[in-house]
Amino acid sequence: MNVFSQLARGGVSALSISLAACGTETADLVLTNANVYTLSWGEPDREGIPAADAPFAEGVWSPDAEAVAVKGGLILAVGSAAEMDAYAGPSTEMRDLDGATVVPGLIESHGHYEELGELAEEVDLIGVQTEAEIVERVMARAETIADGEWIIGRGWDEGDFANRLPTNSRLNQLLPNTPVVLKGLRGFAILGNAAALDAVGIDRNTPTPSGGEIVKDASGNLTGVLLNRAEPLLRFAVPERSLEQRKRVVLHGLNAIIEKGYVAGHHAGVFPNYTEAYLALAEEGALPIRVEAMLSTREPGRALLE
């Protein structure tokens, strides 16, 4: 990859290194006064001991260069400041990094970017302590969604709420026509309002799966909470996001790893619905980084329900 992440003073700068020294070509940019680790030395052994040619001695790593010359987004050369001066011309930008660390572009090796993106799209309920807080956060999201969109959230701690499970009564009053599904932090509980339960066909007569519970009040009415092996009845009945929503989710996830300094990534287990989103973004030229997609041939949630 021939891309740069933002250079941060005193921090780690993700820089894609593709060494291609080109004599006396004039560089567009020379990064100097840096601690450069080219990672061009050998691999460590099976015990993790650095290779003999690595800049490592007495337990301490040392940079193996101090300047980098760049042209057209590609590395021309890496070496000492004096050596890189040979690539400087009248229009070359000379950037003093003031001792910042420069390393090759970091590639994220195993991520689930749709999950990162879905988190960005969902109501964050981590840390809520009361049912009122849950309702407040849901209503804040309700003001931002388009007509017909479901409100999805996650993060209320079913452990903290074990002796005082929330109910959907207030959400039923405030959002009678907007389905709301709120997943528990640990995957053992889920809360849906009446609009969501009606939409997926869960009612007081729905059979309870073995090892699960569809929570009801003293009158036999649904409270909206499904526990343990009943939880997937609602989780996996939520309608598929539209293609535009899935594209938005993918971009959220990719931008999240870009912010951490990665210049490429490996998406592990891309379900068919998100494969479609990736292909659409690629055709539009909208993917911000290169992604190696490891495809999954099963639909999300199928293994848990069978």
C-alpha atoms as a PDB file:
ATOM      1  CA  MET A   1       0.000   0.000   0.000  1.00  0.00           C
ATOM      2  CA  ASN A   2       1.260   3.450  -0.894  1.00  0.00           C
ATOM      3  CA  VAL A   3      -0.729   5.484   1.574  1.00  0.00           C
ATOM      4  CA  PHE A   4       0.080   7.487   4.681  1.00  0.00           C
ATOM      5  CA  SER A   5      -1.747   7.884   7.933  1.00  0.00           C
ATOM      6  CA  GLN A   6      -1.564  11.272   9.587  1.00  0.00           C
ATOM      7  CA  LEU A   7       1.846  11.935  11.083  1.00  0.00           C
ATOM      8  CA  ALA A   8       1.570  12.632  14.775  1.00  0.00           C
ATOM      9  CA  ARG A   9       4.252  14.564  16.568  1.00  0.00           C
ATOM     10  CA  GLY A  10       5.938  12.304  19.056  1.00  0.00           C
ATOM     11  CA  GLY A  11       3.642   9.362  18.208  1.00  0.00           C
ATOM     12  CA  VAL A  12       3.643   6.402  15.846  1.00  0.00           C
ATOM     13  CA  SER A  13       3.276   7.332  12.189  1.00  0.00           C
ATOM     14  CA  ALA A  14       1.932   4.588   9.932  1.00  0.00           C
ATOM     15  CA  LEU A  15       3.914   4.797   6.715  1.00  0.00           C
ATOM     16  CA  SER A  16       3.677   2.293   3.893  1.00  0.00           C
ATOM     17  CA  ILE A  17       7.199   1.407   2.861  1.00  0.00           C
ATOM     18  CA  SER A  18       7.846   0.195  -0.645  1.00  0.00           C
ATOM     19  CA  LEU A  19      11.571   0.669  -1.055  1.00  0.00           C
ATOM     20  CA  ALA A  20      12.393   1.742  -4.569  1.00  0.00           C
ATOM     21  CA  ALA A  21      15.494   3.879  -4.500  1.00  0.00           C
ATOM     22  CA  CYS A  22      15.617   5.856  -7.707  1.00  0.00           C
ATOM     23  CA  GLY A  23      18.997   7.532  -7.830  1.00  0.00           C
ATOM     24  CA  THR A  24      18.728  11.300  -7.764  1.00  0.00           C
ATOM     25  CA  GLU A  25      15.031  11.684  -8.407  1.00  0.00           C
ATOM     26  CA  THR A  26      13.593  14.716  -6.680  1.00  0.00           C
ATOM     27  CA  ALA A  27      11.283  13.834  -3.811  1.00  0.00           C
ATOM     28  CA  ASP A  28       7.936  15.479  -3.133  1.00  0.00           C
ATOM     29  CA  LEU A  29       8.521  15.091   0.570  1.00  0.00           C
ATOM     30  CA  VAL A  30      11.435  14.355   2.848  1.00  0.00           C
ATOM     31  CA  LEU A  31      10.722  13.330   6.417  1.00  0.00           C
ATOM     32  CA  THR A  32      13.718  14.026   8.581  1.00  0.00           C
ATOM     33  CA  ASN A  33      14.825  14.051  12.221  1.00  0.00           C
ATOM     34  CA  ALA A  34      12.810  10.897  12.883  1.00  0.00           C
ATOM     35  CA  ASN A  35      13.295   7.536  14.550  1.00  0.00           C
ATOM     36  CA  VAL A  36      12.660   5.245  11.577  1.00  0.00           C
ATOM     37  CA  TYR A  37      12.217   1.495  11.951  1.00  0.00           C
ATOM     38  CA  THR A  38      12.156  -0.017   8.457  1.00  0.00           C
ATOM     39  CA  LEU A  39      11.385  -3.604   9.586  1.00  0.00           C
ATOM     40  CA  SER A  40      13.592  -4.717   6.697  1.00  0.00           C
ATOM     41  CA  TRP A  41      15.509  -7.183   8.869  1.00  0.00           C
ATOM     42  CA  GLY A  42      14.897 -10.922   9.207  1.00  0.00           C
ATOM     43  CA  GLU A  43      12.067 -12.672  10.997  1.00  0.00           C
ATOM     44  CA  PRO A  44      12.436 -13.617  14.681  1.00  0.00           C
ATOM     45  CA  ASP A  45      12.937 -17.261  15.559  1.00  0.00           C
ATOM     46  CA  ARG A  46      10.243 -19.479  17.023  1.00  0.00           C
ATOM     47  CA  GLU A  47      11.049 -18.240  20.519  1.00  0.00           C
ATOM     48  CA  GLY A  48      10.542 -14.628  19.448  1.00  0.00           C
ATOM     49  CA  ILE A  49      14.229 -13.749  19.568  1.00  0.00           C
ATOM     50  CA  PRO A  50      14.999 -10.997  17.027  1.00  0.00           C
ATOM     51  CA  ALA A  51      17.029 -11.865  13.944  1.00  0.00           C
ATOM     52  CA  ALA A  52      20.778 -11.315  13.981  1.00  0.00           C
ATOM     53  CA  ASP A  53      20.477  -8.367  11.585  1.00  0.00           C
ATOM     54  CA  ALA A  54      17.774  -6.637  13.640  1.00  0.00           C
ATOM     55  CA  PRO A  55      18.698  -3.332  15.337  1.00  0.00           C
ATOM     56  CA  PHE A  56      18.332  -4.929  18.753  1.00  0.00           C
ATOM     57  CA  ALA A  57      21.041  -5.161  21.377  1.00  0.00           C
ATOM     58  CA  GLU A  58      21.004  -5.815  25.111  1.00  0.00           C
ATOM     59  CA  GLY A  59      17.217  -5.818  25.180  1.00  0.00           C
ATOM     60  CA  VAL A  60      16.867  -2.454  23.471  1.00  0.00           C
ATOM     61  CA  TRP A  61      15.580  -1.630  19.983  1.00  0.00           C
ATOM     62  CA  SER A  62      17.181   1.192  17.989  1.00  0.00           C
ATOM     63  CA  PRO A  63      15.961   2.956  14.852  1.00  0.00           C
ATOM     64  CA  ASP A  64      17.795   1.941  11.685  1.00  0.00           C
ATOM     65  CA  ALA A  65      17.238   5.191   9.773  1.00  0.00           C
ATOM     66  CA  GLU A  66      16.449   8.833  10.438  1.00  0.00           C
ATOM     67  CA  ALA A  67      14.931  10.148   7.219  1.00  0.00           C
ATOM     68  CA  VAL A  68      12.611   9.084   4.392  1.00  0.00           C
ATOM     69  CA  ALA A  69      12.258  10.471   0.861  1.00  0.00           C
ATOM     70  CA  VAL A  70       8.828  10.168  -0.771  1.00  0.00           C
ATOM     71  CA  LYS A  71       7.580  10.786  -4.318  1.00  0.00           C
ATOM     72  CA  GLY A  72       4.063  10.232  -5.580  1.00  0.00           C
ATOM     73  CA  GLY A  73       3.156   8.384  -2.405  1.00  0.00           C
ATOM     74  CA  LEU A  74       5.993   5.868  -2.809  1.00  0.00           C
ATOM     75  CA  ILE A  75       9.205   5.617  -0.869  1.00  0.00           C
ATOM     76  CA  LEU A  76      12.258   6.637  -2.887  1.00  0.00           C
ATOM     77  CA  ALA A  77      14.786   5.910  -0.178  1.00  0.00           C
ATOM     78  CA  VAL A  78      15.322   5.534   3.545  1.00  0.00           C
ATOM     79  CA  GLY A  79      18.525   6.399   5.360  1.00  0.00           C
ATOM     80  CA  SER A  80      20.394   9.158   7.110  1.00  0.00           C
ATOM     81  CA  ALA A  81      19.401  12.810   6.886  1.00  0.00           C
ATOM     82  CA  ALA A  82      22.487  13.548   4.796  1.00  0.00           C
ATOM     83  CA  GLU A  83      21.644  10.744   2.356  1.00  0.00           C
ATOM     84  CA  MET A  84      18.066  11.979   1.939  1.00  0.00           C
ATOM     85  CA  ASP A  85      19.272  15.531   1.199  1.00  0.00           C
ATOM     86  CA  ALA A  86      20.257  14.186  -2.221  1.00  0.00           C
ATOM     87  CA  TYR A  87      16.551  13.815  -3.048  1.00  0.00           C
ATOM     88  CA  ALA A  88      15.615  17.374  -2.053  1.00  0.00           C
ATOM     89  CA  GLY A  89      14.840  19.916  -4.753  1.00  0.00           C
ATOM     90  CA  PRO A  90      13.415  23.447  -4.879  1.00  0.00           C
ATOM     91  CA  SER A  91       9.828  22.165  -4.562  1.00  0.00           C
ATOM     92  CA  THR A  92      10.466  19.400  -2.016  1.00  0.00           C
ATOM     93  CA  GLU A  93       8.629  19.712   1.272  1.00  0.00           C
ATOM     94  CA  MET A  94      11.053  19.174   4.152  1.00  0.00           C
ATOM     95  CA  ARG A  95       9.191  18.014   7.232  1.00  0.00           C
ATOM     96  CA  ASP A  96      10.998  17.870  10.574  1.00  0.00           C
ATOM     97  CA  LEU A  97       9.370  15.145  12.684  1.00  0.00           C
ATOM     98  CA  ASP A  98      11.148  16.228  15.853  1.00  0.00           C
ATOM     99  CA  GLY A  99      12.045  12.693  16.897  1.00  0.00           C
ATOM    100  CA  ALA A 100       8.684  11.065  16.075  1.00  0.00           C
ATOM    101  CA  THR A 101       8.614   7.347  15.370  1.00  0.00           C
ATOM    102  CA  VAL A 102       8.034   6.181  11.798  1.00  0.00           C
ATOM    103  CA  VAL A 103       7.185   2.566  10.989  1.00  0.00           C
ATOM    104  CA  PRO A 104       5.872   0.732   7.916  1.00  0.00           C
ATOM    105  CA  GLY A 105       2.141   0.824   7.328  1.00  0.00           C
ATOM    106  CA  LEU A 106       0.406  -1.298   9.969  1.00  0.00           C
ATOM    107  CA  ILE A 107      -2.033  -3.916   8.652  1.00  0.00           C
ATOM    108  CA  GLU A 108      -4.825  -5.045  10.961  1.00  0.00           C
ATOM    109  CA  SER A 109      -4.646  -8.840  10.802  1.00  0.00           C
ATOM    110  CA  HIS A 110      -8.031 -10.092  12.016  1.00  0.00           C
ATOM    111  CA  GLY A 111     -11.020  -7.840  12.515  1.00  0.00           C
ATOM    112  CA  HIS A 112     -14.805  -7.883  12.293  1.00  0.00           C
ATOM    113  CA  TYR A 113     -15.352  -4.441  10.842  1.00  0.00           C
ATOM    114  CA  GLU A 114     -19.097  -4.781  10.452  1.00  0.00           C
ATOM    115  CA  GLU A 115     -19.299  -5.226  14.231  1.00  0.00           C
ATOM    116  CA  LEU A 116     -17.323  -2.018  14.764  1.00  0.00           C
ATOM    117  CA  GLY A 117     -19.634  -0.285  12.305  1.00  0.00           C
ATOM    118  CA  GLU A 118     -22.774  -1.681  13.865  1.00  0.00           C
ATOM    119  CA  LEU A 119     -21.612  -0.369  17.233  1.00  0.00           C
ATOM    120  CA  ALA A 120     -21.375   3.096  15.703  1.00  0.00           C
ATOM    121  CA  GLU A 121     -24.909   2.719  14.318  1.00  0.00           C
ATOM    122  CA  GLU A 122     -26.449   1.409  17.529  1.00  0.00           C
ATOM    123  CA  VAL A 123     -27.539   3.054  20.750  1.00  0.00           C
ATOM    124  CA  ASP A 124     -24.734   2.714  23.289  1.00  0.00           C
ATOM    125  CA  LEU A 125     -26.229   1.435  26.532  1.00  0.00           C
ATOM    126  CA  ILE A 126     -22.999   0.539  28.290  1.00  0.00           C
ATOM    127  CA  GLY A 127     -23.055   1.842  31.827  1.00  0.00           C
ATOM    128  CA  VAL A 128     -26.794   2.542  32.127  1.00  0.00           C
ATOM    129  CA  GLN A 129     -28.101   1.851  35.615  1.00  0.00           C
ATOM    130  CA  THR A 130     -31.805   2.573  35.309  1.00  0.00           C
ATOM    131  CA  GLU A 131     -34.646   1.959  32.906  1.00  0.00           C
ATOM    132  CA  ALA A 132     -35.033   5.737  32.617  1.00  0.00           C
ATOM    133  CA  GLU A 133     -31.468   6.023  31.270  1.00  0.00           C
ATOM    134  CA  ILE A 134     -32.232   3.356  28.682  1.00  0.00           C
ATOM    135  CA  VAL A 135     -35.303   5.239  27.503  1.00  0.00           C
ATOM    136  CA  GLU A 136     -33.422   8.555  27.408  1.00  0.00           C
ATOM    137  CA  ARG A 137     -30.687   7.183  25.135  1.00  0.00           C
ATOM    138  CA  VAL A 138     -33.180   5.462  22.860  1.00  0.00           C
ATOM    139  CA  MET A 139     -35.216   8.635  22.456  1.00  0.00           C
ATOM    140  CA  ALA A 140     -32.082  10.605  21.565  1.00  0.00           C
ATOM    141  CA  ARG A 141     -31.471   8.160  18.701  1.00  0.00           C
ATOM    142  CA  ALA A 142     -35.130   8.284  17.657  1.00  0.00           C
ATOM    143  CA  GLU A 143     -34.656  11.926  16.715  1.00  0.00           C
ATOM    144  CA  THR A 144     -31.963  11.017  14.146  1.00  0.00           C
ATOM    145  CA  ILE A 145     -33.328   7.985  12.287  1.00  0.00           C
ATOM    146  CA  ALA A 146     -35.219   7.886   9.017  1.00  0.00           C
ATOM    147  CA  ASP A 147     -38.838   6.740   8.850  1.00  0.00           C
ATOM    148  CA  GLY A 148     -39.078   2.969   8.857  1.00  0.00           C
ATOM    149  CA  GLU A 149     -35.668   2.350  10.449  1.00  0.00           C
ATOM    150  CA  TRP A 150     -35.436   0.142  13.476  1.00  0.00           C
ATOM    151  CA  ILE A 151     -33.632   1.398  16.547  1.00  0.00           C
ATOM    152  CA  ILE A 152     -30.996  -1.103  17.637  1.00  0.00           C
ATOM    153  CA  GLY A 153     -28.966  -0.771  20.804  1.00  0.00           C
ATOM    154  CA  ARG A 154     -26.680  -2.847  22.948  1.00  0.00           C
ATOM    155  CA  GLY A 155     -24.815  -2.753  26.203  1.00  0.00           C
ATOM    156  CA  TRP A 156     -27.275  -2.794  29.121  1.00  0.00           C
ATOM    157  CA  ASP A 157     -25.750  -5.195  31.618  1.00  0.00           C
ATOM    158  CA  GLU A 158     -28.120  -8.090  32.271  1.00  0.00           C
ATOM    159  CA  GLY A 159     -26.016  -8.921  35.323  1.00  0.00           C
ATOM    160  CA  ASP A 160     -26.628  -5.519  36.891  1.00  0.00           C
ATOM    161  CA  PHE A 161     -30.324  -5.734  35.989  1.00  0.00           C
ATOM    162  CA  ALA A 162     -30.739  -9.399  37.019  1.00  0.00           C
ATOM    163  CA  ASN A 163     -33.054  -8.648  39.962  1.00  0.00           C
ATOM    164  CA  ARG A 164     -34.871  -5.741  38.313  1.00  0.00           C
ATOM    165  CA  LEU A 165     -35.170  -6.522  34.614  1.00  0.00           C
ATOM    166  CA  PRO A 166     -36.285  -3.568  32.490  1.00  0.00           C
ATOM    167  CA  THR A 167     -39.626  -3.624  30.719  1.00  0.00           C
ATOM    168  CA  ASN A 168     -40.824  -2.164  27.442  1.00  0.00           C
ATOM    169  CA  SER A 169     -43.784  -0.259  28.874  1.00  0.00           C
ATOM    170  CA  ARG A 170     -42.330   3.251  28.510  1.00  0.00           C
ATOM    171  CA  LEU A 171     -40.880   2.511  25.068  1.00  0.00           C
ATOM    172  CA  ASN A 172     -44.294   1.227  23.993  1.00  0.00           C
ATOM    173  CA  GLN A 173     -45.848   4.541  24.987  1.00  0.00           C
ATOM    174  CA  LEU A 174     -43.207   6.774  23.398  1.00  0.00           C
ATOM    175  CA  LEU A 175     -42.466   4.737  20.252  1.00  0.00           C
ATOM    176  CA  PRO A 176     -45.601   2.768  19.439  1.00  0.00           C
ATOM    177  CA  ASN A 177     -44.748   2.483  15.728  1.00  0.00           C
ATOM    178  CA  THR A 178     -40.950   2.312  15.798  1.00  0.00           C
ATOM    179  CA  PRO A 179     -39.437  -1.111  16.505  1.00  0.00           C
ATOM    180  CA  VAL A 180     -36.751  -1.007  19.212  1.00  0.00           C
ATOM    181  CA  VAL A 181     -34.371  -3.893  19.972  1.00  0.00           C
ATOM    182  CA  LEU A 182     -31.823  -3.528  22.779  1.00  0.00           C
ATOM    183  CA  LYS A 183     -29.226  -6.292  23.192  1.00  0.00           C
ATOM    184  CA  GLY A 184     -27.661  -7.114  26.528  1.00  0.00           C
ATOM    185  CA  LEU A 185     -23.980  -6.563  27.163  1.00  0.00           C
ATOM    186  CA  ARG A 186     -23.160 -10.239  27.646  1.00  0.00           C
ATOM    187  CA  GLY A 187     -25.434 -11.822  25.045  1.00  0.00           C
ATOM    188  CA  PHE A 188     -27.797 -13.445  27.551  1.00  0.00           C
ATOM    189  CA  ALA A 189     -30.702 -10.997  27.310  1.00  0.00           C
ATOM    190  CA  ILE A 190     -32.504  -8.749  24.877  1.00  0.00           C
ATOM    191  CA  LEU A 191     -35.281  -6.181  25.236  1.00  0.00           C
ATOM    192  CA  GLY A 192     -37.773  -5.354  22.505  1.00  0.00           C
ATOM    193  CA  ASN A 193     -40.694  -2.963  22.503  1.00  0.00           C
ATOM    194  CA  ALA A 194     -44.154  -4.078  21.399  1.00  0.00           C
ATOM    195  CA  ALA A 195     -43.631  -2.793  17.855  1.00  0.00           C
ATOM    196  CA  ALA A 196     -40.527  -4.985  17.473  1.00  0.00           C
ATOM    197  CA  LEU A 197     -42.122  -8.066  19.028  1.00  0.00           C
ATOM    198  CA  ASP A 198     -45.204  -7.693  16.835  1.00  0.00           C
ATOM    199  CA  ALA A 199     -43.063  -7.236  13.726  1.00  0.00           C
ATOM    200  CA  VAL A 200     -41.194 -10.513  14.267  1.00  0.00           C
ATOM    201  CA  GLY A 201     -44.210 -12.493  15.479  1.00  0.00           C
ATOM    202  CA  ILE A 202     -43.371 -12.949  19.144  1.00  0.00           C
ATOM    203  CA  ASP A 203     -46.413 -12.943  21.437  1.00  0.00           C
ATOM    204  CA  ARG A 204     -47.596 -14.463  24.706  1.00  0.00           C
ATOM    205  CA  ASN A 205     -48.236 -17.769  22.943  1.00  0.00           C
ATOM    206  CA  THR A 206     -44.765 -18.114  21.418  1.00  0.00           C
ATOM    207  CA  PRO A 207     -43.191 -21.385  22.621  1.00  0.00           C
ATOM    208  CA  THR A 208     -40.233 -20.870  24.932  1.00  0.00           C
ATOM    209  CA  PRO A 209     -37.038 -22.577  23.706  1.00  0.00           C
ATOM    210  CA  SER A 210     -35.392 -25.072  26.024  1.00  0.00           C
ATOM    211  CA  GLY A 211     -32.919 -23.217  28.217  1.00  0.00           C
ATOM    212  CA  GLY A 212     -34.537 -19.861  27.560  1.00  0.00           C
ATOM    213  CA  GLU A 213     -37.236 -17.601  28.988  1.00  0.00           C
ATOM    214  CA  ILE A 214     -39.717 -15.209  27.448  1.00  0.00           C
ATOM    215  CA  VAL A 215     -40.313 -12.984  30.457  1.00  0.00           C
ATOM    216  CA  LYS A 216     -43.927 -12.170  31.327  1.00  0.00           C
ATOM    217  CA  ASP A 217     -45.595 -10.159  34.062  1.00  0.00           C
ATOM    218  CA  ALA A 218     -48.065 -11.498  36.612  1.00  0.00           C
ATOM    219  CA  SER A 219     -50.881 -11.237  34.058  1.00  0.00           C
ATOM    220  CA  GLY A 220     -48.992 -13.208  31.439  1.00  0.00           C
ATOM    221  CA  ASN A 221     -48.176 -10.181  29.276  1.00  0.00           C
ATOM    222  CA  LEU A 222     -44.783  -9.846  27.631  1.00  0.00           C
ATOM    223  CA  THR A 223     -42.365  -7.487  29.351  1.00  0.00           C
ATOM    224  CA  GLY A 224     -40.181  -7.360  26.234  1.00  0.00           C
ATOM    225  CA  VAL A 225     -37.239  -9.269  27.755  1.00  0.00           C
ATOM    226  CA  LEU A 226     -36.030 -12.584  26.339  1.00  0.00           C
ATOM    227  CA  LEU A 227     -33.360 -14.477  28.259  1.00  0.00           C
ATOM    228  CA  ASN A 228     -30.662 -17.018  27.421  1.00  0.00           C
ATOM    229  CA  ARG A 229     -31.677 -19.365  24.578  1.00  0.00           C
ATOM    230  CA  ALA A 230     -34.800 -17.339  23.898  1.00  0.00           C
ATOM    231  CA  GLU A 231     -32.661 -14.281  23.107  1.00  0.00           C
ATOM    232  CA  PRO A 232     -31.918 -15.333  19.469  1.00  0.00           C
ATOM    233  CA  LEU A 233     -35.667 -15.414  18.718  1.00  0.00           C
ATOM    234  CA  LEU A 234     -35.553 -11.638  18.587  1.00  0.00           C
ATOM    235  CA  ARG A 235     -31.897 -10.949  17.806  1.00  0.00           C
ATOM    236  CA  PHE A 236     -31.907 -12.869  14.524  1.00  0.00           C
ATOM    237  CA  ALA A 237     -35.414 -11.887  13.490  1.00  0.00           C
ATOM    238  CA  VAL A 238     -34.483  -8.218  13.132  1.00  0.00           C
ATOM    239  CA  PRO A 239     -34.825  -7.299   9.439  1.00  0.00           C
ATOM    240  CA  GLU A 240     -31.696  -6.993   7.336  1.00  0.00           C
ATOM    241  CA  ARG A 241     -30.245  -3.523   7.022  1.00  0.00           C
ATOM    242  CA  SER A 242     -30.659  -1.936   3.626  1.00  0.00           C
ATOM    243  CA  LEU A 243     -27.676  -1.913   1.274  1.00  0.00           C
ATOM    244  CA  GLU A 244     -27.121   1.774   2.012  1.00  0.00           C
ATOM    245  CA  GLN A 245     -27.128   1.075   5.747  1.00  0.00           C
ATOM    246  CA  ARG A 246     -24.693  -1.831   5.320  1.00  0.00           C
ATOM    247  CA  LYS A 247     -22.350   0.346   3.273  1.00  0.00           C
ATOM    248  CA  ARG A 248     -22.504   2.945   6.029  1.00  0.00           C
ATOM    249  CA  VAL A 249     -21.701   0.265   8.626  1.00  0.00           C
ATOM    250  CA  VAL A 250     -18.666  -0.951   6.654  1.00  0.00           C
ATOM    251  CA  LEU A 251     -17.324   2.589   6.328  1.00  0.00           C
ATOM    252  CA  HIS A 252     -17.780   3.184  10.062  1.00  0.00           C
ATOM    253  CA  GLY A 253     -15.712   0.068  10.779  1.00  0.00           C
ATOM    254  CA  LEU A 254     -12.950   0.858   8.299  1.00  0.00           C
ATOM    255  CA  ASN A 255     -12.656   4.444   9.465  1.00  0.00           C
ATOM    256  CA  ALA A 256     -12.346   3.170  13.040  1.00  0.00           C
ATOM    257  CA  ILE A 257      -9.196   1.189  12.218  1.00  0.00           C
ATOM    258  CA  ILE A 258      -7.830   4.027  10.077  1.00  0.00           C
ATOM    259  CA  GLU A 259      -8.053   6.256  13.142  1.00  0.00           C
ATOM    260  CA  LYS A 260      -5.832   3.746  14.962  1.00  0.00           C
ATOM    261  CA  GLY A 261      -3.132   4.063  12.296  1.00  0.00           C
ATOM    262  CA  TYR A 262      -3.832   1.016  10.125  1.00  0.00           C
ATOM    263  CA  VAL A 263      -3.422   1.330   6.364  1.00  0.00           C
ATOM    264  CA  ALA A 264      -5.043  -1.989   5.389  1.00  0.00           C
ATOM    265  CA  GLY A 265      -6.945  -4.773   7.076  1.00  0.00           C
ATOM    266  CA  HIS A 266      -8.122  -8.371   7.022  1.00  0.00           C
ATOM    267  CA  HIS A 267     -11.860  -8.704   7.601  1.00  0.00           C
ATOM    268  CA  ALA A 268     -12.442 -12.149   9.110  1.00  0.00           C
ATOM    269  CA  GLY A 269     -15.702 -13.898   8.291  1.00  0.00           C
ATOM    270  CA  VAL A 270     -17.479 -11.518   5.905  1.00  0.00           C
ATOM    271  CA  PHE A 271     -21.086 -12.672   5.642  1.00  0.00           C
ATOM    272  CA  PRO A 272     -22.778 -12.561   2.202  1.00  0.00           C
ATOM    273  CA  ASN A 273     -24.837  -9.489   3.100  1.00  0.00           C
ATOM    274  CA  TYR A 274     -21.675  -7.504   3.827  1.00  0.00           C
ATOM    275  CA  THR A 275     -19.870  -8.944   0.814  1.00  0.00           C
ATOM    276  CA  GLU A 276     -22.520  -7.144  -1.229  1.00  0.00           C
ATOM    277  CA  ALA A 277     -21.778  -3.907   0.629  1.00  0.00           C
ATOM    278  CA  TYR A 278     -18.037  -4.257   0.022  1.00  0.00           C
ATOM    279  CA  LEU A 279     -18.574  -4.865  -3.688  1.00  0.00           C
ATOM    280  CA  ALA A 280     -20.837  -1.825  -3.966  1.00  0.00           C
ATOM    281  CA  LEU A 281     -18.311   0.405  -2.200  1.00  0.00           C
ATOM    282  CA  ALA A 282     -15.494  -0.932  -4.394  1.00  0.00           C
ATOM    283  CA  GLU A 283     -17.453  -0.223  -7.561  1.00  0.00           C
ATOM    284  CA  GLU A 284     -18.040   3.327  -6.333  1.00  0.00           C
ATOM    285  CA  GLY A 285     -14.364   3.773  -5.488  1.00  0.00           C
ATOM    286  CA  ALA A 286     -15.435   4.539  -1.926  1.00  0.00           C
ATOM    287  CA  LEU A 287     -13.292   2.078   0.059  1.00  0.00           C
ATOM    288  CA  PRO A 288     -10.860   4.203   2.105  1.00  0.00           C
ATOM    289  CA  ILE A 289      -8.264   1.423   2.489  1.00  0.00           C
ATOM    290  CA  ARG A 290      -7.413  -1.947   0.999  1.00  0.00           C
ATOM    291  CA  VAL A 291      -9.238  -4.870   2.634  1.00  0.00           C
ATOM    292  CA  GLU A 292      -8.537  -8.590   2.422  1.00  0.00           C
ATOM    293  CA  ALA A 293     -11.968 -10.186   2.845  1.00  0.00           C
ATOM    294  CA  MET A 294     -12.157 -13.689   4.302  1.00  0.00           C
ATOM    295  CA  LEU A 295     -15.593 -14.827   3.159  1.00  0.00           C
ATOM    296  CA  SER A 296     -18.049 -16.739   5.316  1.00  0.00           C
ATOM    297  CA  THR A 297     -20.442 -19.080   3.526  1.00  0.00           C
ATOM    298  CA  ARG A 298     -23.043 -19.209   6.288  1.00  0.00           C
ATOM    299  CA  GLU A 299     -25.644 -16.638   7.172  1.00  0.00           C
ATOM    300  CA  PRO A 300     -25.125 -14.752  10.469  1.00  0.00           C
ATOM    301  CA  GLY A 301     -26.674 -16.507  13.432  1.00  0.00           C
ATOM    302  CA  ARG A 302     -27.573 -19.752  11.636  1.00  0.00           C
ATOM    303  CA  ALA A 303     -25.227 -21.915  13.692  1.00  0.00           C
ATOM    304  CA  LEU A 304     -26.725 -20.614  16.937  1.00  0.00           C
ATOM    305  CA  LEU A 305     -30.290 -21.341  15.888  1.00  0.00           C
ATOM    306  CA  GLU A 306     -29.763 -24.865  14.527  1.00  0.00           C
END
